[in-house]
Protein backbone atom coordinates (compact mmCIF):
# COMPACT_ATOMS: atom_id res chain seq x y z
CA UNK A 1 -47.21 32.83 28.53
CA UNK A 2 -46.57 29.60 29.99
CA UNK A 3 -48.84 28.05 27.48
CA UNK A 4 -47.12 29.64 24.68
CA UNK A 5 -43.69 28.68 26.27
CA UNK A 6 -44.88 25.08 26.15
CA UNK A 7 -45.99 25.10 22.34
CA UNK A 8 -42.56 26.67 21.21
CA UNK A 9 -39.54 24.31 21.53
CA UNK A 10 -36.40 25.51 22.43
CA UNK A 11 -34.75 24.78 19.19
CA UNK A 12 -36.66 27.15 17.20
CA UNK A 13 -36.19 29.83 20.00
CA UNK A 14 -32.61 29.32 19.45
CA UNK A 15 -32.71 29.47 15.45
CA UNK A 16 -34.72 32.65 15.82
CA UNK A 17 -32.00 34.40 18.07
CA UNK A 18 -29.04 33.63 16.13
CA UNK A 19 -31.18 34.72 13.22
CA UNK A 20 -31.82 38.12 14.52
CA UNK A 21 -28.03 38.40 15.34
CA UNK A 22 -27.07 37.53 11.61
CA UNK A 23 -29.75 39.71 10.73
CA UNK A 24 -28.10 42.50 12.66
CA UNK A 25 -24.79 41.94 11.64
CA UNK A 26 -26.22 42.09 7.91
CA UNK A 27 -27.31 45.30 8.43
CA UNK A 28 -24.38 46.87 9.72
CA UNK A 29 -22.64 45.50 7.10
CA UNK A 30 -25.12 47.29 4.52
CA UNK A 31 -24.48 50.44 6.62
CA UNK A 32 -20.96 50.01 6.16
CA UNK A 33 -20.91 50.10 2.76
CA UNK A 34 -22.43 53.62 2.61
CA UNK A 35 -24.44 52.34 -0.59
CA UNK A 36 -27.48 52.13 1.09
CA UNK A 37 -29.89 49.88 3.39
CA UNK A 38 -33.00 47.78 3.21
CA UNK A 39 -35.81 50.66 3.29
CA UNK A 40 -37.03 49.91 6.99
CA UNK A 41 -33.66 50.34 8.48
CA UNK A 42 -32.61 52.96 6.08
CA UNK A 43 -35.63 54.86 7.24
CA UNK A 44 -35.26 54.13 10.92
CA UNK A 45 -31.35 55.49 10.38
CA UNK A 46 -32.35 58.47 8.55
CA UNK A 47 -34.83 59.71 10.95
CA UNK A 48 -32.81 58.97 14.06
CA UNK A 49 -29.96 61.01 12.71
CA UNK A 50 -32.32 63.72 12.09
CA UNK A 51 -33.79 63.75 15.56
CA UNK A 52 -30.13 63.11 17.45
CA UNK A 53 -31.52 59.89 18.70
CA UNK A 54 -29.43 56.60 18.89
CA UNK A 55 -30.36 54.38 15.96
CA UNK A 56 -31.34 51.59 18.56
CA UNK A 57 -33.14 53.97 20.96
CA UNK A 58 -35.17 55.20 18.01
CA UNK A 59 -35.80 51.64 16.45
CA UNK A 60 -37.15 50.96 19.96
CA UNK A 61 -39.77 53.91 20.08
CA UNK A 62 -40.81 53.22 16.49
CA UNK A 63 -41.28 49.61 17.38
CA UNK A 64 -43.53 50.44 20.11
CA UNK A 65 -45.65 52.43 17.84
CA UNK A 66 -45.77 49.43 15.50
CA UNK A 67 -46.24 47.13 18.16
CA UNK A 68 -49.44 48.87 18.88
CA UNK A 69 -50.80 48.37 15.28
CA UNK A 70 -49.91 44.67 15.44
CA UNK A 71 -51.21 43.99 18.66
CA UNK A 72 -54.70 45.30 17.97
CA UNK A 73 -54.89 43.92 14.12
CA UNK A 74 -52.43 41.27 13.80
CA UNK A 75 -52.19 39.54 17.34
CA UNK A 76 -51.26 36.17 15.89
CA UNK A 77 -48.19 37.09 14.65
CA UNK A 78 -46.86 38.39 18.13
CA UNK A 79 -44.20 35.94 19.67
CA UNK A 80 -40.90 35.66 21.37
CA UNK A 81 -39.56 36.85 17.84
CA UNK A 82 -41.34 39.70 17.92
CA UNK A 83 -39.81 41.25 21.07
CA UNK A 84 -36.24 39.84 20.50
CA UNK A 85 -36.42 42.03 17.18
CA UNK A 86 -38.02 45.07 18.03
CA UNK A 87 -35.91 45.59 21.06
CA UNK A 88 -32.49 43.94 20.65
CA UNK A 89 -31.81 44.09 16.81
CA UNK A 90 -30.84 47.66 16.62
CA UNK A 91 -28.14 47.30 19.68
CA UNK A 92 -27.01 44.24 17.73
CA UNK A 93 -26.49 46.05 14.47
CA UNK A 94 -24.89 48.97 16.20
CA UNK A 95 -22.29 46.26 18.05
CA UNK A 96 -21.29 45.06 14.68
CA UNK A 97 -21.12 48.29 12.89
CA UNK A 98 -18.66 49.56 15.71
CA UNK A 99 -16.92 46.65 15.59
CA UNK A 100 -16.17 46.87 11.69
CA UNK A 101 -15.05 50.41 12.02
CA UNK A 102 -12.32 49.53 14.60
CA UNK A 103 -10.99 46.59 12.57
CA UNK A 104 -10.96 47.99 9.22
CA UNK A 105 -12.66 51.43 8.93
CA UNK A 106 -14.90 52.79 6.04
CA UNK A 107 -14.12 51.56 3.02
CA UNK A 108 -12.74 53.82 0.52
CA UNK A 109 -12.58 52.34 -2.85
CA UNK A 110 -16.02 51.56 -4.83
CA UNK A 111 -15.26 48.12 -5.40
CA UNK A 112 -14.86 47.47 -1.88
CA UNK A 113 -18.22 48.97 -1.13
CA UNK A 114 -19.98 46.78 -3.95
CA UNK A 115 -18.46 43.27 -2.41
CA UNK A 116 -19.04 44.45 0.98
CA UNK A 117 -22.97 45.06 -0.19
CA UNK A 118 -22.60 41.42 -1.75
CA UNK A 119 -21.64 40.26 1.50
CA UNK A 120 -24.53 42.34 3.40
CA UNK A 121 -27.21 40.44 1.16
CA UNK A 122 -26.06 37.04 1.84
CA UNK A 123 -25.76 37.58 5.78
CA UNK A 124 -29.10 39.43 5.52
CA UNK A 125 -30.56 36.56 3.85
CA UNK A 126 -29.37 34.00 5.87
CA UNK A 127 -30.62 36.17 9.14
CA UNK A 128 -33.93 36.37 7.78
CA UNK A 129 -34.34 33.02 6.66
CA UNK A 130 -33.57 31.70 10.39
CA UNK A 131 -35.59 34.50 12.09
CA UNK A 132 -38.73 34.04 9.88
CA UNK A 133 -38.75 30.42 9.39
CA UNK A 134 -38.35 29.49 12.91
CA UNK A 135 -41.90 30.82 12.94
CA UNK A 136 -41.88 32.11 16.85
CA UNK A 137 -43.49 35.48 16.39
CA UNK A 138 -42.72 38.23 13.40
CA UNK A 139 -41.37 41.81 14.04
CA UNK A 140 -43.92 44.69 14.20
CA UNK A 141 -42.42 46.17 10.70
CA UNK A 142 -42.79 42.96 8.96
CA UNK A 143 -46.45 42.13 10.31
CA UNK A 144 -47.46 44.96 8.51
CA UNK A 145 -47.46 43.35 5.28
CA UNK A 146 -49.04 40.37 6.54
CA UNK A 147 -51.66 42.48 8.12
CA UNK A 148 -52.40 43.97 4.87
CA UNK A 149 -52.55 40.82 2.95
CA UNK A 150 -55.47 39.35 5.32
CA UNK A 151 -57.55 42.32 5.15
CA UNK A 152 -56.86 43.10 1.51
CA UNK A 153 -56.60 39.14 0.20
CA UNK A 154 -57.24 40.15 -3.35
CA UNK A 155 -53.70 41.74 -3.52
CA UNK A 156 -50.72 39.54 -3.35
CA UNK A 157 -48.37 39.94 0.03
CA UNK A 158 -45.55 40.82 -2.58
CA UNK A 159 -47.77 44.07 -3.40
CA UNK A 160 -48.32 44.71 0.20
CA UNK A 161 -44.81 44.54 1.08
CA UNK A 162 -43.57 46.45 -1.78
CA UNK A 163 -45.88 49.58 -0.79
CA UNK A 164 -44.24 49.33 2.94
CA UNK A 165 -40.75 49.20 1.42
CA UNK A 166 -41.57 51.97 -1.10
CA UNK A 167 -43.01 54.13 1.41
CA UNK A 168 -39.98 53.60 3.70
CA UNK A 169 -37.79 54.12 0.82
CA UNK A 170 -39.76 57.41 0.37
CA UNK A 171 -39.22 59.00 3.92
CA UNK A 172 -35.67 57.62 4.08
CA UNK A 173 -35.02 59.98 1.05
CA UNK A 174 -36.86 62.77 2.43
CA UNK A 175 -34.90 62.66 5.62
CA UNK A 176 -31.65 63.09 3.98
CA UNK A 177 -31.13 59.08 4.29
CA UNK A 178 -29.05 56.90 1.66
CA UNK A 179 -30.90 55.34 -1.13
CA UNK A 180 -28.33 53.51 -3.24
CA UNK A 181 -27.02 50.01 -4.40
CA UNK A 182 -28.13 48.52 -0.99
CA UNK A 183 -31.57 49.59 -0.99
CA UNK A 184 -32.01 48.24 -4.58
CA UNK A 185 -30.57 44.90 -3.70
CA UNK A 186 -32.41 44.65 -0.47
CA UNK A 187 -35.92 45.19 -2.32
CA UNK A 188 -35.44 43.09 -5.13
CA UNK A 189 -32.54 40.64 -4.25
CA UNK A 190 -33.09 39.21 -0.86
CA UNK A 191 -36.19 37.22 -1.67
CA UNK A 192 -34.69 34.62 -4.05
CA UNK A 193 -31.50 34.08 -1.55
CA UNK A 194 -33.81 34.17 1.60
CA UNK A 195 -35.60 31.21 -0.38
CA UNK A 196 -32.47 29.55 -1.07
CA UNK A 197 -31.44 29.51 2.63
CA UNK A 198 -35.19 28.39 3.79
CA UNK A 199 -35.00 25.30 1.25
CA UNK A 200 -31.25 24.24 1.75
CA UNK A 201 -30.85 25.13 5.10
CA UNK A 202 -33.60 26.64 7.60
CA UNK A 203 -36.09 23.73 6.63
CA UNK A 204 -33.74 21.09 6.78
CA UNK A 205 -32.49 21.87 10.07
CA UNK A 206 -36.15 22.53 11.87
CA UNK A 207 -36.99 19.34 10.07
CA UNK A 208 -34.83 17.56 12.49
CA UNK A 209 -35.80 16.36 15.62
CA UNK A 210 -36.66 19.00 17.89
CA UNK A 211 -39.29 20.88 15.44
CA UNK A 212 -42.26 22.27 16.25
CA UNK A 213 -45.05 20.34 17.65
CA UNK A 214 -42.49 17.65 18.80
């Protein structure tokens, strides 16, 4: 652990933490819209509700299982970001969702829900950009498609990710979860916006003094 901390500078760790905060905020905004979440979060929410376990607690339990897979087959993807995401993301999302409900309540009009979805896309993309580009550990679920790509390199990462997301969406649907506009936008719309933030914000921030290896 000491050697790992010596290789990772404080700036990247801070960016990763803030990235997870924004990601959790984005997940909570999607949930507030009532029009579906990203496939993995939607699946976890649906399974948590059907099992009677709080979302944040269920997410940790599932991440323990997925971490076992990551530890065995993709240990190189494990870092501080893995644990922050796996342990804290659910609680961050729950905190913000409760905050939105207390401040504004649930949106009633369709156009309000659509606007909230659009805000969720931007916030989630910003968070993912900071969390992933900081390069200090990948969440257990996110590591699955990377591990699959490593083992089946002839198939592009895009299709591995589409497979895991499609499987989560199917489980979400079967568990009674919401598959809607938010889900579709998360699958097809996050990528370009994440790339925008990567190029125009996160990479520039990391390129300044304090970047990895300095």
